[in-house]
Amino acid sequence: MESLTTIAALCFLMFVAYRGFSVILFAPLAALFAVAWVSPHHVLPFFSGIYMEKLVGFLKLYFPVFLLGAIFGKLIEISGFAKAITSRVVVLLGKNNAMLAVVAVCALLTYGGVSLFVAAFAVYPFAAELFKAADIPRRLIPGTIALGSFTFTMDALPGSPQIQNIIPTTFFHTTTWAAPKLGLFGALVVLTAGMAYLTYQRKRAARAKEGYGEDAALDPKGAGNPSSAAPDGPLPSPLLALLPLILVGSLNRVFTGVLPTLYPQSFDFAKLGVSQTAALDVSKLVAIWAVEGALLVGILTVVLSASRRVTPRFASSANLAVAGAMLAAVNTASEYGFGGIIAALPGFKVISELMSHAFSNPLISLAVTTTSLAGITGSASGGMSIALATMGQTYLSRATELGIPPEVLHRVAAMASGGMDTLPHNGAVITLLAVTGLSHRQSYLDIFAMTLIKTAAVFLVIAFFYLTHLY
């Protein structure tokens, strides 16, 4: 019965997320319902001692990354840099490679630090123009943007500044550059299979004489409204537009190597006379500091190089970015707090033991658990946070016994989080369909194909590691 209560809480959270209700509100309710069923008088201590502690702990670590990433993405948009990059890629690849051009632009933006949501808004107008010129069905645009934004640049490519590649660093004491060979292999698998699928769908539509179809405008109430779009006028130089993205990627690598030489593994505040503050475990924070530092430099670069475009709308755009960052961060933190409570219940211990026995290999068990929870919660970062908060140490101990490096655990967890996360109730999926003016019935099948491809890629990465021992 205790195990059924735990499963019921997870299913309830998935249901309310699918129905569009706020996870911030319903994650604690679902978790506390499970506590009340087991022991009603434990509800308040569990809420304050576990849920709120986990929620605040998550925000303490990751909120600056959410905030800086949102501001950086918004500045890239209003400066016209996103439009300049998109236009240049379109010229280089041409309309005959419209799908590849859209994927390339999305990959450049997201790997350069632009959030997945901002990338969708920035790229859609140009994707629609390209698809119309090439007479490719408009219903294929969401799947194409999903391949470029929600897959290999999010969690496979080493050094990605996306939150899905940052969360494992605090559990496994790794960096965002963990297991580069596995990450590159996984990225190649996803990109190749994804493009093959999209090309097949394009040719199939051509044989059926299906053209672009009717156009649709952006939702005027959404984040892509004219007030936040890039201003009219001459576009910035593509090289100048790429500079902030290049700086974020390269400085993330530089800071990852430099910061450990500047600070000891443990920073003792008592030596400075601040006895009330506990010593800081710097090894858990290096990867986060590196991304934050790189994003700060990227933000300053955009502000200085495009001040005329950015300054008039900096305040309003920054307010939008802060609001978006707070919502995204608290959503994920709420799921993290939910995971903390679920992990403390007797029912979850039974479930975790069953999964451990079902999958004796820690990599496979980690992949299955993470991608399942990501699917249930509809969130890659939320599902991974729950999985690592509840079983991360167990996986690390078992992997150490088997001689599996923590870097491999990092890459598998990150890629698995981006596996089944894009089910119909996923926030990024709902936003992408809203931006393109399409419905689940029209376009979700192609997004789900990307979901299956990136889920399968995780297990191919695991097989690649055991066959080659490369990571």
Foldseek 3Di string as FASTA:
>chain_A
DLLVLLVVLLLVLLVCLLVPDFLLPRLLVSLLVSVCVVPVVCSVVLCVVFLVVLLVVLCVAPLLLLLLLLLLQLLLFQLLLLVQQLVVLCVVVDLVPLLVSLLVSLQLQQQLRHALLSSLLSRVVVSLVSQQVVFFALLCVLLSSCLNHLALLQFQAAQGSHVLLQVLCLLQLDASRFQRVLSVLLNVLLVVVLVVVSVVNRVVCVVVVHGHDDADAFDCVDPSHPVSGYDDDDHDHNVLSSVLSVQLRVQLVVQLVPVCVVDPQWACCVVVVPVVDHIDRCSSRSNVVSNSVSSVVSSVSSCVVRVVSCVVCVVVSSVVSSVVSVSVSSSLSSLLSSLRSSLPGPSVVVVLVVLCVVDVQLLVSLLVQQLVQLLSNLALSNSLSSSCNRCVVVSSVSCVVVVHRSSLVSSLSSLSSSANSNDSSHPSSVSSCSRRVHDCVSHVVSNVVSNNSSSVSSVVSVVVCVVPVRD
